Every structure is written in structure tokens, then in C-alpha cells.
Amino acid sequence: MTRFRKEYIKIARKLTIADIQSGITDDELNLNNIVTDGRLSSESQFFLGVFSRQGLMNAIQAFGLDAILEKSGLTNLSLDIDTCDPHIHRLFVYGGKATADNKICELVLKQGPLCFEEGILPSFPRRNPNVLQVEWLLLQNPRQNFSAEKPPLPGQIYPGLGIGDRLMEILIIMTRRVRLEGIVNKPHYFHTAFMFSKEFVFVNPLNQALMFAISKNLLSKYSFWLVAWAAHFNCIINKKDGKPLDWVAGNLILPFAKDLIKYFRSREYQQEVSRLIKKFNFEIELEKLRSALLRNDLEKYARFPK
């Protein structure tokens, strides 16, 4: 739980339907435009079937994100949503006019049943839960440059906004409001997976074991930045077998449904993670990493342990 949860829950309770669907005309609120066969229409102009564009801006202001962004030089926020695809909704936030140079947030969400990978433990609930899937998340400040205090992580073009924990709490509230069974994300980068793993758990116990082992073996000795780039440049080796880390993106889930929560807390899942951790003892190949950082003009940010 982040330090924002209790505060944000209180704020969310004060947001009414009028707040989150403001800016919509009476014609656009016609029941036939919103409801199909007794359900919210996925083709409506509402983000996730609930939030209007102005309603999302109202939420940004209610949670104080506009004030936080203003301190980073990001003012005159503008927002756009794309609900043309009935299955995937896109949210864009800009620091000024809606141009690529001003984009500070891009969030792509999909809601619906998710079919998990095969080969999971026997007790895993054999069904396709109805979840919110985070297809893409970009948070960046195009007004700032990288520095020794804020060095680039893999995949970053600009420094981040520092609001990831706050946004996650809002996503949790949104997911509960539309009554889905959890949030799922499949990060491409190790560092993104690590950030999500503070709240989420890997569906596959192997990925969970890898994350725990990397945290235990490496983050106690090296900076998060160094480990992130070591993973990106394939410079992490398992001393138990001499093989490099084979990091494969896997589904992370924050479950809300009781059967899913029970599974990830089960003895079977926890014991399997503990069994797999014993197969790993990771170390960074420092010279290989140093060379990779140098080739990519990143060594100036590196702080190698003495």
C-alpha cells in the first residue's frame, strides 16, 4: 500500500457521477448511446465506459496532480481520449497544446477477460478473469533533461514525472469503480516490472522467483539504475550455472477477486517461488556492462562500486 491510498480513497468518494461525466450533453447521455443489452457500451465516448474527457480532467484536479505537475513546469494541461477501438481506450495528457513535444502521459488500457499462459500451478483458478489490462504507460517530462540525479532508464527519452505511485492508486480506484477483478500489466523492461512488483505479483512463479533473486543478490550491492541497465544489456549472470539472465516479460497482476487473492497467497504458490529462488545466484558482469554503457554514452551516469 502506498502512502496515498487512504487519502485518495477519501477523494474518490467525493467524486460524483456528475463530476466524472461532466461536459457531456443530454443527447450524448442518451441511454441508447451508453447502454447496450443492459451493459455499458464499449463504443461509447466514455473512457472505460464511465469517464468523460472533462470528467478525467476533474479527477486530475481533485487528486492534486495538476498542482504537482505545475511544480515541474508543466502547466495549461490538456487532455484527449480515444475510444474509437471498442476494446482498447487511450488517454493522452499534454503540458500545453496537444503536440508530441508536449506529451507527458500516454495510457492505453484494455478491459475484458484475460487468458493466462499455460503451465501454471494446478490450483490456479481455471477461468479467464475480467480485468483491466495496462497495454502501455508513458510518463515523462519533456521540459527536463537527464542529470546525475535523474539519469535515464532503459526506454526513456525524457525524465519521468515522479507520479507513478499516485497514478497507480487512481488506476486501482478506477478498476474497482468499473467492478473488474484486477489489474494486469506485462512490462517489457525489468525496471518497469520491478516498480510494478511493489503492488503486483507475477502470475508465473518463475518470474516472481527471478525478481526476488535479483533484488536479493543485486539491489543490495548496486544501484537500481545499474541493475536496470545490466538487465537491459544482458550483463546479469547466474553463478549457479554460468548462464546469463533470460528475462522474459510475464503477466503481473494485482488481484481483487477472492479466488485470485487466495491463490497468490496459497502455500503452493509461495513454496514454488521459494523452490525456484534456490536455482539463482545473480551477479553483474561489470566489465561487459561498462563497455555497453560507454558505447551508448551512458557511462557518465554510472557509479560503479569500488
Protein backbone atom coordinates (compact mmCIF):
# COMPACT_ATOMS: atom_id res chain seq x y z
CA MET A 1 0.00 0.00 0.00
CA THR A 2 1.35 3.42 -0.92
CA ARG A 3 1.10 6.40 1.39
CA PHE A 4 -1.52 7.93 -0.90
CA ARG A 5 -4.15 5.19 -0.66
CA LYS A 6 -6.25 6.39 2.26
CA GLU A 7 -6.15 9.99 1.07
CA TYR A 8 -7.11 9.06 -2.49
CA ILE A 9 -9.95 6.80 -1.40
CA LYS A 10 -11.45 9.72 0.52
CA ILE A 11 -11.10 11.97 -2.54
CA ALA A 12 -12.66 9.34 -4.82
CA ARG A 13 -15.70 9.00 -2.57
CA LYS A 14 -16.41 12.69 -3.05
CA LEU A 15 -16.33 12.43 -6.86
CA THR A 16 -19.89 12.09 -8.13
CA ILE A 17 -21.19 10.74 -11.43
CA ALA A 18 -21.78 14.37 -12.43
CA ASP A 19 -18.08 15.09 -11.76
CA ILE A 20 -16.69 12.20 -13.81
CA GLN A 21 -19.16 12.55 -16.68
CA SER A 22 -19.30 16.34 -16.92
CA GLY A 23 -19.09 18.06 -20.27
CA ILE A 24 -21.44 15.57 -21.94
CA THR A 25 -24.65 16.92 -23.47
CA ASP A 26 -28.07 15.47 -22.80
CA ASP A 27 -28.13 13.96 -26.30
CA GLU A 28 -24.80 12.25 -25.69
CA LEU A 29 -26.12 10.91 -22.37
CA ASN A 30 -28.98 9.18 -24.16
CA LEU A 31 -29.38 5.71 -22.65
CA ASN A 32 -29.12 4.07 -26.06
CA ASN A 33 -25.67 5.62 -26.55
CA ILE A 34 -24.36 4.34 -23.25
CA VAL A 35 -26.05 1.00 -22.65
CA THR A 36 -26.22 -2.00 -24.97
CA ASP A 37 -28.01 -5.20 -23.90
CA GLY A 38 -28.03 -3.98 -20.32
CA ARG A 39 -24.28 -3.24 -20.27
CA LEU A 40 -22.16 -0.14 -20.75
CA SER A 41 -21.44 0.18 -24.44
CA SER A 42 -17.77 -0.29 -25.27
CA GLU A 43 -18.30 2.03 -28.23
CA SER A 44 -19.45 4.98 -26.14
CA GLN A 45 -17.24 8.06 -25.90
CA PHE A 46 -16.69 7.40 -22.20
CA PHE A 47 -13.21 6.29 -21.18
CA LEU A 48 -13.61 2.75 -19.77
CA GLY A 49 -17.33 3.29 -20.31
CA VAL A 50 -17.51 5.69 -17.35
CA PHE A 51 -15.29 8.79 -17.59
CA SER A 52 -15.81 11.75 -19.93
CA ARG A 53 -12.84 13.82 -21.07
CA GLN A 54 -13.80 16.68 -18.75
CA GLY A 55 -14.51 14.13 -16.03
CA LEU A 56 -10.93 12.85 -16.26
CA MET A 57 -9.65 16.42 -16.02
CA ASN A 58 -11.83 16.93 -12.97
CA ALA A 59 -10.26 13.83 -11.42
CA ILE A 60 -6.72 15.07 -12.19
CA GLN A 61 -7.53 18.28 -10.35
CA ALA A 62 -9.32 16.55 -7.48
CA PHE A 63 -6.32 14.31 -6.81
CA GLY A 64 -3.98 17.29 -6.97
CA LEU A 65 -1.95 16.05 -9.92
CA ASP A 66 -2.20 19.38 -11.72
CA ALA A 67 -0.56 21.16 -8.78
CA ILE A 68 2.23 18.56 -8.61
CA LEU A 69 2.91 18.84 -12.34
CA GLU A 70 2.91 22.64 -12.15
CA LYS A 71 5.86 22.46 -9.75
CA SER A 72 7.76 20.63 -12.53
CA GLY A 73 7.00 23.38 -15.02
CA LEU A 74 4.04 21.63 -16.62
CA THR A 75 1.06 23.97 -16.84
CA ASN A 76 -2.03 24.51 -19.01
CA LEU A 77 -2.77 20.78 -19.09
CA SER A 78 -4.85 19.48 -21.96
CA LEU A 79 -6.31 16.03 -22.29
CA ASP A 80 -7.62 13.82 -25.04
CA ILE A 81 -9.15 10.35 -25.15
CA ASP A 82 -9.50 7.87 -27.98
CA THR A 83 -12.33 5.35 -27.63
CA CYS A 84 -12.65 4.51 -31.33
CA ASP A 85 -11.49 0.95 -30.68
CA PRO A 86 -14.25 -0.71 -28.63
CA HIS A 87 -11.69 -2.86 -26.81
CA ILE A 88 -8.73 -0.52 -26.25
CA HIS A 89 -9.02 3.00 -24.86
CA ARG A 90 -6.24 5.59 -24.99
CA LEU A 91 -5.65 8.60 -22.77
CA PHE A 92 -3.25 11.42 -23.64
CA VAL A 93 -2.23 14.30 -21.38
CA TYR A 94 -0.19 17.26 -22.61
CA GLY A 95 1.62 20.11 -20.90
CA GLY A 96 0.11 22.74 -23.18
CA LYS A 97 -1.15 22.18 -26.72
CA ALA A 98 -1.79 18.60 -27.87
CA THR A 99 1.50 18.06 -29.68
CA ALA A 100 4.06 15.27 -29.49
CA ASP A 101 6.62 17.63 -27.93
CA ASN A 102 4.21 18.40 -25.08
CA LYS A 103 3.04 14.86 -24.33
CA ILE A 104 3.53 13.99 -20.66
CA CYS A 105 1.30 10.93 -20.33
CA GLU A 106 0.05 8.20 -22.61
CA LEU A 107 -2.06 5.47 -21.07
CA VAL A 108 -3.50 2.58 -23.09
CA LEU A 109 -6.00 0.35 -21.30
CA LYS A 110 -7.98 -2.70 -22.29
CA GLN A 111 -10.71 -4.31 -20.25
CA GLY A 112 -12.12 -7.77 -20.61
CA PRO A 113 -11.40 -11.46 -19.95
CA LEU A 114 -7.73 -12.45 -19.99
CA CYS A 115 -6.48 -15.90 -20.94
CA PHE A 116 -3.39 -16.65 -18.87
CA GLU A 117 -0.42 -18.68 -20.06
CA GLU A 118 -0.40 -22.45 -19.80
CA GLY A 119 1.63 -24.43 -17.30
CA ILE A 120 0.63 -22.52 -14.18
CA LEU A 121 0.29 -24.41 -10.89
CA PRO A 122 -2.67 -26.80 -10.56
CA SER A 123 -4.55 -24.67 -8.05
CA PHE A 124 -4.64 -21.60 -10.34
CA PRO A 125 -8.30 -20.68 -10.95
CA ARG A 126 -9.21 -22.22 -14.30
CA ARG A 127 -11.12 -19.30 -15.73
CA ASN A 128 -10.48 -16.08 -17.61
CA PRO A 129 -10.95 -13.23 -15.12
CA ASN A 130 -12.38 -9.92 -16.27
CA VAL A 131 -9.52 -7.49 -15.68
CA LEU A 132 -8.10 -4.12 -16.62
CA GLN A 133 -5.03 -4.62 -18.79
CA VAL A 134 -2.39 -1.89 -18.91
CA GLU A 135 -1.22 -2.14 -22.51
CA TRP A 136 1.09 0.88 -22.40
CA LEU A 137 2.05 3.56 -19.89
CA LEU A 138 4.28 6.54 -20.58
CA LEU A 139 5.02 9.24 -18.00
CA GLN A 140 7.61 11.84 -18.99
CA ASN A 141 8.61 15.46 -18.56
CA PRO A 142 9.77 16.93 -21.90
CA ARG A 143 10.74 20.13 -20.06
CA GLN A 144 13.54 18.42 -18.13
CA ASN A 145 16.89 16.92 -19.09
CA PHE A 146 18.62 13.90 -17.63
CA SER A 147 21.22 14.51 -14.94
CA ALA A 148 23.35 12.64 -12.42
CA GLU A 149 20.39 12.87 -10.02
CA LYS A 150 17.90 11.79 -12.69
CA PRO A 151 19.77 9.52 -15.12
CA PRO A 152 17.90 7.78 -17.97
CA LEU A 153 16.46 4.32 -17.54
CA PRO A 154 16.07 1.92 -20.50
CA GLY A 155 13.43 3.15 -22.93
CA GLN A 156 13.27 6.68 -21.55
CA ILE A 157 13.52 9.70 -23.85
CA TYR A 158 12.81 12.22 -21.08
CA PRO A 159 12.90 12.01 -17.28
CA GLY A 160 9.82 10.63 -15.56
CA LEU A 161 7.18 12.65 -13.75
CA GLY A 162 7.56 11.07 -10.31
CA ILE A 163 3.82 10.39 -10.03
CA GLY A 164 3.79 6.65 -10.74
CA ASP A 165 2.58 5.66 -7.27
CA ARG A 166 -0.16 8.27 -7.39
CA LEU A 167 -1.34 7.16 -10.82
CA MET A 168 -1.39 3.54 -9.67
CA GLU A 169 -3.73 4.42 -6.80
CA ILE A 170 -6.04 6.18 -9.25
CA LEU A 171 -5.99 3.13 -11.56
CA ILE A 172 -6.90 0.91 -8.62
CA ILE A 173 -9.83 3.16 -7.77
CA MET A 174 -10.95 3.25 -11.42
CA THR A 175 -10.74 -0.53 -11.71
CA ARG A 176 -12.82 -1.07 -8.61
CA ARG A 177 -15.35 1.51 -9.78
CA VAL A 178 -15.96 -0.41 -13.03
CA ARG A 179 -16.06 -3.66 -10.98
CA LEU A 180 -13.25 -5.55 -12.65
CA GLU A 181 -11.40 -8.42 -10.97
CA GLY A 182 -7.91 -6.99 -11.03
CA ILE A 183 -5.26 -5.08 -12.95
CA VAL A 184 -2.79 -6.82 -15.25
CA ASN A 185 0.40 -5.47 -16.76
CA LYS A 186 3.11 -7.11 -18.87
CA PRO A 187 6.14 -4.79 -18.68
CA HIS A 188 8.80 -5.06 -21.35
CA TYR A 189 11.64 -3.74 -19.19
CA PHE A 190 12.96 -5.24 -15.98
CA HIS A 191 12.92 -1.91 -14.16
CA THR A 192 9.26 -1.34 -15.03
CA ALA A 193 8.40 -4.82 -13.80
CA PHE A 194 10.28 -4.13 -10.58
CA MET A 195 8.35 -0.91 -9.99
CA PHE A 196 5.02 -2.68 -10.53
CA SER A 197 6.06 -5.62 -8.33
CA LYS A 198 5.72 -3.41 -5.25
CA GLU A 199 1.96 -3.95 -5.54
CA PHE A 200 1.61 -6.67 -8.16
CA VAL A 201 2.60 -10.33 -8.23
CA PHE A 202 3.72 -12.39 -11.21
CA VAL A 203 1.23 -14.95 -12.42
CA ASN A 204 4.11 -17.31 -13.20
CA PRO A 205 6.07 -18.20 -10.04
CA LEU A 206 9.28 -18.40 -12.10
CA ASN A 207 9.13 -14.67 -12.86
CA GLN A 208 8.40 -13.97 -9.21
CA ALA A 209 11.42 -16.02 -8.16
CA LEU A 210 13.64 -14.19 -10.66
CA MET A 211 12.51 -10.81 -9.33
CA PHE A 212 13.13 -11.84 -5.71
CA ALA A 213 16.56 -13.27 -6.54
CA ILE A 214 17.64 -10.15 -8.45
CA SER A 215 16.50 -7.96 -5.57
CA LYS A 216 18.33 -10.08 -3.00
CA ASN A 217 21.57 -10.61 -4.97
CA LEU A 218 21.99 -7.30 -6.77
CA LEU A 219 19.99 -4.43 -5.32
CA SER A 220 21.78 -4.86 -2.00
CA LYS A 221 25.11 -4.12 -3.76
CA TYR A 222 24.30 -1.99 -6.80
CA SER A 223 22.12 0.99 -7.59
CA PHE A 224 18.72 0.43 -9.16
CA TRP A 225 19.93 2.31 -12.25
CA LEU A 226 22.93 0.00 -12.67
CA VAL A 227 20.83 -3.15 -12.28
CA ALA A 228 18.25 -1.84 -14.76
CA TRP A 229 20.86 -1.30 -17.46
CA ALA A 230 22.61 -4.58 -16.63
CA ALA A 231 19.34 -6.38 -17.27
CA HIS A 232 18.79 -4.40 -20.48
CA PHE A 233 22.27 -5.16 -21.85
CA ASN A 234 22.19 -8.85 -20.78
CA CYS A 235 25.01 -8.33 -18.28
CA ILE A 236 23.48 -10.34 -15.43
CA ILE A 237 24.78 -13.87 -15.00
CA ASN A 238 23.55 -16.74 -12.83
CA LYS A 239 26.61 -18.00 -10.97
CA LYS A 240 24.89 -21.34 -10.29
CA ASP A 241 25.05 -22.41 -13.94
CA GLY A 242 27.13 -19.68 -15.62
CA LYS A 243 24.27 -18.66 -17.89
CA PRO A 244 23.10 -15.09 -18.48
CA LEU A 245 19.75 -13.99 -17.11
CA ASP A 246 16.98 -14.79 -19.56
CA TRP A 247 14.45 -12.12 -18.62
CA VAL A 248 11.13 -12.80 -20.31
CA ALA A 249 8.25 -10.41 -19.74
CA GLY A 250 5.40 -12.05 -17.88
CA ASN A 251 1.98 -11.01 -16.65
CA LEU A 252 1.90 -9.12 -13.37
CA ILE A 253 -1.45 -8.96 -11.62
CA LEU A 254 -2.98 -7.03 -8.77
CA PRO A 255 -5.93 -9.28 -7.95
CA PHE A 256 -9.22 -8.10 -6.45
CA ALA A 257 -11.28 -11.30 -6.85
CA LYS A 258 -11.21 -13.54 -3.77
CA ASP A 259 -10.18 -16.71 -5.60
CA LEU A 260 -7.24 -14.94 -7.26
CA ILE A 261 -6.08 -13.39 -3.99
CA LYS A 262 -6.33 -16.79 -2.30
CA TYR A 263 -4.20 -18.43 -5.00
CA PHE A 264 -1.32 -15.96 -4.79
CA ARG A 265 -1.32 -16.25 -1.00
CA SER A 266 -1.50 -20.04 -1.15
CA ARG A 267 1.19 -22.32 0.22
CA GLU A 268 1.50 -23.96 -3.20
CA TYR A 269 2.40 -20.71 -4.95
CA GLN A 270 4.72 -19.49 -2.20
CA GLN A 271 6.55 -22.82 -1.95
CA GLU A 272 7.08 -22.95 -5.70
CA VAL A 273 8.58 -19.45 -5.65
CA SER A 274 10.88 -20.47 -2.77
CA ARG A 275 11.95 -23.63 -4.62
CA LEU A 276 12.80 -21.69 -7.79
CA ILE A 277 14.76 -18.95 -5.98
CA LYS A 278 17.33 -21.58 -4.94
CA LYS A 279 18.28 -22.01 -8.60
CA PHE A 280 19.60 -18.45 -8.87
CA ASN A 281 22.58 -16.50 -7.58
CA PHE A 282 22.97 -13.45 -9.76
CA GLU A 283 25.97 -11.22 -10.37
CA ILE A 284 26.63 -8.39 -12.81
CA GLU A 285 29.41 -8.74 -15.38
CA LEU A 286 30.80 -5.29 -14.62
CA GLU A 287 33.32 -5.01 -17.45
CA LYS A 288 30.75 -6.08 -20.02
CA LEU A 289 28.30 -3.56 -18.57
CA ARG A 290 30.92 -0.80 -18.51
CA SER A 291 31.63 -1.36 -22.20
CA ALA A 292 27.92 -1.34 -23.06
CA LEU A 293 27.35 1.90 -21.16
CA LEU A 294 30.34 3.51 -22.86
CA ARG A 295 29.10 2.53 -26.33
CA ASN A 296 25.75 4.14 -25.56
CA ASP A 297 27.15 7.30 -23.97
CA LEU A 298 25.79 6.30 -20.56
CA GLU A 299 28.98 5.79 -18.58
CA LYS A 300 28.86 9.42 -17.40
CA TYR A 301 25.86 8.44 -15.23
CA ALA A 302 27.39 5.24 -13.87
CA ARG A 303 28.59 4.87 -10.31
CA PHE A 304 30.31 1.55 -10.03
CA PRO A 305 31.03 0.16 -6.58
CA LYS A 306 34.68 0.30 -5.54
